[in-house]
Amino acid sequence: MAAAWKLCALALAFTISLLGPVRHADATPMAHLVLHSEPGDFIGAGGDFDITYTPANSQLFSSFAFDFGLPAPAEVQFVLGTVTCCSDNTFALLSFGTQALGIPIVPGHYPDAERAAFASPGHPGLDVSFQNRGCNTVAGTFDVTQAVFSAAAQTATGSPIERFSASFEQHCEGFAPALTGSFAYSAFGAAVPEPATWLLVLAALPLLARRALRTS
């Protein structure tokens, strides 16, 4: 019996190998923003937020990459959400940059950040605006954990950003209360197996099992 099921498992593995790698099925761009705003922070108004953005639930959903003459992007910017008058306003604008450092943006720790559009030489750029509230001046830090750019993303979305993720801490106008959070973006959403592929595999299991038992 054990030999029969071993044969069945081997047959299943071979079937999956023939089907090839998991592919994206109807992949859709997706972004996820988590914010924690300390009391007195202007941007988050002391609140906590956990928002998933897609083109379907957002009035605005755009990503941009700027290289400033460097061999790879040195700033990424995301414009997301729906603008309303009230608490359901999800509009967010996020910028992370290394232009003033003279290097492309790559995974790493970036301290002593200034407002992205006005970062002085030697300082990374950071700017997180939310619900129509923004800073005139920024002091902060951020950690980039993913920064992947590709021609496939450019073709699919009009932006070369395939994946980007970062955590951050931002202080507005020199005040002590912090806005902390994390952000993740994927041009192709989550990798999900195509249903037809796995239905084919599952349908084959009983046949493989019966054949294995007959030959045991």
Protein backbone atom coordinates (compact mmCIF):
# COMPACT_ATOMS: atom_id res chain seq x y z
CA MET A 1 0.00 0.00 0.00
CA ALA A 2 2.81 2.44 0.90
CA ALA A 3 4.51 1.69 -2.39
CA ALA A 4 1.25 2.37 -4.21
CA TRP A 5 0.80 5.80 -2.67
CA LYS A 6 4.46 6.60 -3.28
CA LEU A 7 3.89 5.83 -6.94
CA CYS A 8 0.77 8.03 -6.89
CA ALA A 9 2.71 10.93 -5.35
CA LEU A 10 5.43 10.62 -7.97
CA ALA A 11 2.83 10.60 -10.71
CA LEU A 12 1.21 13.73 -9.25
CA ALA A 13 4.56 15.52 -9.07
CA PHE A 14 5.22 14.61 -12.69
CA THR A 15 1.77 15.90 -13.70
CA ILE A 16 2.38 19.23 -11.98
CA SER A 17 5.79 19.55 -13.63
CA LEU A 18 4.16 19.13 -17.02
CA LEU A 19 1.68 21.91 -16.23
CA GLY A 20 4.53 24.36 -15.71
CA PRO A 21 4.94 27.19 -13.18
CA VAL A 22 2.10 29.01 -11.48
CA ARG A 23 0.95 31.94 -13.59
CA HIS A 24 -1.00 35.08 -12.78
CA ALA A 25 -4.68 34.70 -13.59
CA ASP A 26 -6.29 38.04 -14.45
CA ALA A 27 -3.55 39.82 -12.48
CA THR A 28 -4.55 43.26 -11.24
CA PRO A 29 -2.30 45.94 -9.70
CA MET A 30 -2.67 46.17 -5.94
CA ALA A 31 -1.32 48.36 -3.15
CA HIS A 32 -1.54 48.04 0.62
CA LEU A 33 -1.03 50.92 3.06
CA VAL A 34 -0.89 50.68 6.85
CA LEU A 35 -0.65 53.89 8.90
CA HIS A 36 -0.31 54.61 12.61
CA SER A 37 -0.60 58.27 13.52
CA GLU A 38 0.41 59.47 16.96
CA PRO A 39 -1.78 62.10 18.65
CA GLY A 40 -0.77 65.47 17.28
CA ASP A 41 0.41 64.15 13.91
CA PHE A 42 -1.23 66.25 11.18
CA ILE A 43 -1.23 63.70 8.35
CA GLY A 44 -3.02 60.82 10.03
CA ALA A 45 -4.89 62.95 12.59
CA GLY A 46 -4.10 60.44 15.33
CA GLY A 47 -5.78 57.52 13.58
CA ASP A 48 -4.93 54.00 12.44
CA PHE A 49 -5.58 52.87 8.89
CA ASP A 50 -5.24 49.63 6.94
CA ILE A 51 -6.23 50.07 3.30
CA THR A 52 -5.95 47.87 0.23
CA TYR A 53 -6.10 49.75 -3.06
CA THR A 54 -7.01 48.38 -6.47
CA PRO A 55 -8.08 50.14 -9.67
CA ALA A 56 -11.60 48.86 -8.98
CA ASN A 57 -12.00 50.53 -5.58
CA SER A 58 -9.96 53.67 -6.24
CA GLN A 59 -10.75 56.84 -8.14
CA LEU A 60 -6.99 57.31 -8.54
CA PHE A 61 -4.50 54.48 -9.01
CA SER A 62 -1.15 55.45 -10.56
CA SER A 63 2.52 54.68 -10.03
CA PHE A 64 5.51 56.61 -11.38
CA ALA A 65 9.27 56.08 -11.48
CA PHE A 66 11.85 58.79 -12.19
CA ASP A 67 15.52 58.12 -12.95
CA PHE A 68 16.84 61.72 -13.07
CA GLY A 69 19.53 60.60 -15.50
CA LEU A 70 20.67 57.68 -13.35
CA PRO A 71 20.84 54.13 -14.78
CA ALA A 72 17.76 53.05 -12.77
CA PRO A 73 14.85 54.79 -11.01
CA ALA A 74 15.82 57.04 -8.10
CA GLU A 75 12.31 57.99 -7.02
CA VAL A 76 8.97 56.21 -6.96
CA GLN A 77 5.63 57.87 -6.45
CA PHE A 78 2.16 56.44 -5.90
CA VAL A 79 -1.15 58.29 -6.23
CA LEU A 80 -3.98 56.20 -4.83
CA GLY A 81 -7.50 56.23 -3.50
CA THR A 82 -10.73 58.13 -3.69
CA VAL A 83 -11.10 61.74 -2.63
CA THR A 84 -14.17 62.54 -0.54
CA CYS A 85 -15.12 65.17 1.99
CA CYS A 86 -15.36 62.79 4.89
CA SER A 87 -13.78 59.97 6.90
CA ASP A 88 -14.09 57.52 3.98
CA ASN A 89 -11.49 59.57 2.06
CA THR A 90 -8.73 57.10 1.07
CA PHE A 91 -6.59 59.45 -1.03
CA ALA A 92 -2.87 58.89 -0.45
CA LEU A 93 0.23 60.22 -2.16
CA LEU A 94 3.53 58.52 -1.32
CA SER A 95 7.03 59.35 -2.58
CA PHE A 96 10.31 57.62 -1.79
CA GLY A 97 13.51 58.87 -3.39
CA THR A 98 17.29 58.65 -3.48
CA GLN A 99 17.90 61.29 -6.15
CA ALA A 100 19.72 63.62 -3.74
CA LEU A 101 21.97 60.71 -2.75
CA GLY A 102 22.96 60.29 -6.40
CA ILE A 103 22.03 56.60 -6.49
CA PRO A 104 19.12 54.48 -7.74
CA ILE A 105 16.59 53.40 -5.15
CA VAL A 106 17.34 49.88 -3.90
CA PRO A 107 16.51 47.88 -0.76
CA GLY A 108 18.17 49.43 2.27
CA HIS A 109 17.89 51.79 5.23
CA TYR A 110 17.53 55.50 4.47
CA PRO A 111 17.85 57.82 7.50
CA ASP A 112 17.67 61.61 7.69
CA ALA A 113 15.03 61.91 4.98
CA GLU A 114 13.63 65.25 3.87
CA ARG A 115 10.55 66.06 1.84
CA ALA A 116 11.03 64.20 -1.45
CA ALA A 117 10.49 67.12 -3.83
CA PHE A 118 12.96 69.33 -1.91
CA ALA A 119 15.53 66.91 -0.48
CA SER A 120 18.95 68.54 -0.22
CA PRO A 121 22.15 66.78 -1.36
CA GLY A 122 23.00 63.82 0.85
CA HIS A 123 19.43 63.25 2.04
CA PRO A 124 16.89 60.68 0.82
CA GLY A 125 13.40 61.89 0.00
CA LEU A 126 10.15 60.93 1.75
CA ASP A 127 6.64 62.31 1.47
CA VAL A 128 3.45 60.65 2.71
CA SER A 129 0.23 62.63 2.32
CA PHE A 130 -3.16 61.28 3.34
CA GLN A 131 -6.79 62.43 3.13
CA ASN A 132 -5.71 65.68 1.43
CA ARG A 133 -3.27 66.54 4.25
CA GLY A 134 0.40 67.09 3.43
CA CYS A 135 3.59 68.43 5.01
CA ASN A 136 5.52 71.53 4.00
CA THR A 137 8.66 70.08 5.56
CA VAL A 138 9.46 66.46 6.42
CA ALA A 139 11.96 64.75 8.70
CA GLY A 140 12.04 60.99 8.78
CA THR A 141 13.48 57.67 7.81
CA PHE A 142 12.44 54.74 5.65
CA ASP A 143 13.49 51.18 4.86
CA VAL A 144 12.99 49.78 1.37
CA THR A 145 12.51 46.02 1.36
CA GLN A 146 11.63 45.57 -2.32
CA ALA A 147 12.31 47.67 -5.42
CA VAL A 148 11.80 45.71 -8.62
CA PHE A 149 11.40 47.30 -12.05
CA SER A 150 10.62 45.50 -15.30
CA ALA A 151 9.61 45.90 -18.92
CA ALA A 152 6.65 43.61 -18.22
CA ALA A 153 5.29 46.05 -15.64
CA GLN A 154 5.85 48.95 -18.05
CA THR A 155 3.83 47.15 -20.72
CA ALA A 156 1.03 46.14 -18.36
CA THR A 157 0.59 49.35 -16.36
CA GLY A 158 2.53 52.12 -18.10
CA SER A 159 4.99 52.23 -15.19
CA PRO A 160 8.16 50.14 -14.76
CA ILE A 161 7.48 49.48 -11.06
CA GLU A 162 6.77 45.77 -10.69
CA ARG A 163 7.08 45.50 -6.90
CA PHE A 164 7.89 48.02 -4.21
CA SER A 165 7.62 47.86 -0.45
CA ALA A 166 8.85 50.06 2.36
CA SER A 167 8.29 50.99 6.00
CA PHE A 168 8.65 54.57 7.18
CA GLU A 169 8.52 57.13 9.96
CA GLN A 170 7.63 60.72 9.12
CA HIS A 171 7.53 63.92 11.18
CA CYS A 172 5.70 66.96 9.80
CA GLU A 173 6.92 70.56 10.19
CA GLY A 174 9.56 69.54 12.74
CA PHE A 175 7.02 68.35 15.33
CA ALA A 176 7.59 65.29 17.52
CA PRO A 177 4.39 63.25 16.81
CA ALA A 178 5.16 60.60 14.20
CA LEU A 179 3.34 59.00 11.33
CA THR A 180 4.62 55.45 10.97
CA GLY A 181 3.55 52.82 8.51
CA SER A 182 4.26 50.37 5.75
CA PHE A 183 3.46 50.30 2.07
CA ALA A 184 3.53 47.56 -0.56
CA TYR A 185 2.74 47.66 -4.27
CA SER A 186 2.57 44.95 -6.91
CA ALA A 187 1.88 45.59 -10.57
CA PHE A 188 0.55 42.07 -10.96
CA GLY A 189 -1.23 41.58 -7.65
CA ALA A 190 -0.86 38.21 -5.91
CA ALA A 191 0.21 35.13 -7.82
CA VAL A 192 -2.84 32.85 -7.92
CA PRO A 193 -2.89 29.46 -9.66
CA GLU A 194 -5.22 29.39 -12.64
CA PRO A 195 -8.33 27.42 -11.58
CA ALA A 196 -8.30 25.19 -14.65
CA THR A 197 -4.77 24.06 -13.87
CA TRP A 198 -5.54 22.83 -10.38
CA LEU A 199 -8.89 21.34 -11.38
CA LEU A 200 -7.01 19.22 -13.88
CA VAL A 201 -4.58 18.05 -11.20
CA LEU A 202 -7.34 17.26 -8.68
CA ALA A 203 -9.38 15.38 -11.28
CA ALA A 204 -6.38 13.20 -12.04
CA LEU A 205 -5.80 12.16 -8.40
CA PRO A 206 -8.47 9.41 -8.16
CA LEU A 207 -7.33 7.87 -11.44
CA LEU A 208 -3.73 7.92 -10.30
CA ALA A 209 -4.64 6.37 -6.96
CA ARG A 210 -6.69 3.52 -8.51
CA ARG A 211 -3.94 2.74 -11.00
CA ALA A 212 -1.35 2.74 -8.23
CA LEU A 213 -3.45 0.32 -6.11
CA ARG A 214 -3.92 -2.09 -9.02
CA THR A 215 -0.20 -2.28 -9.60
CA SER A 216 0.74 -2.69 -5.91
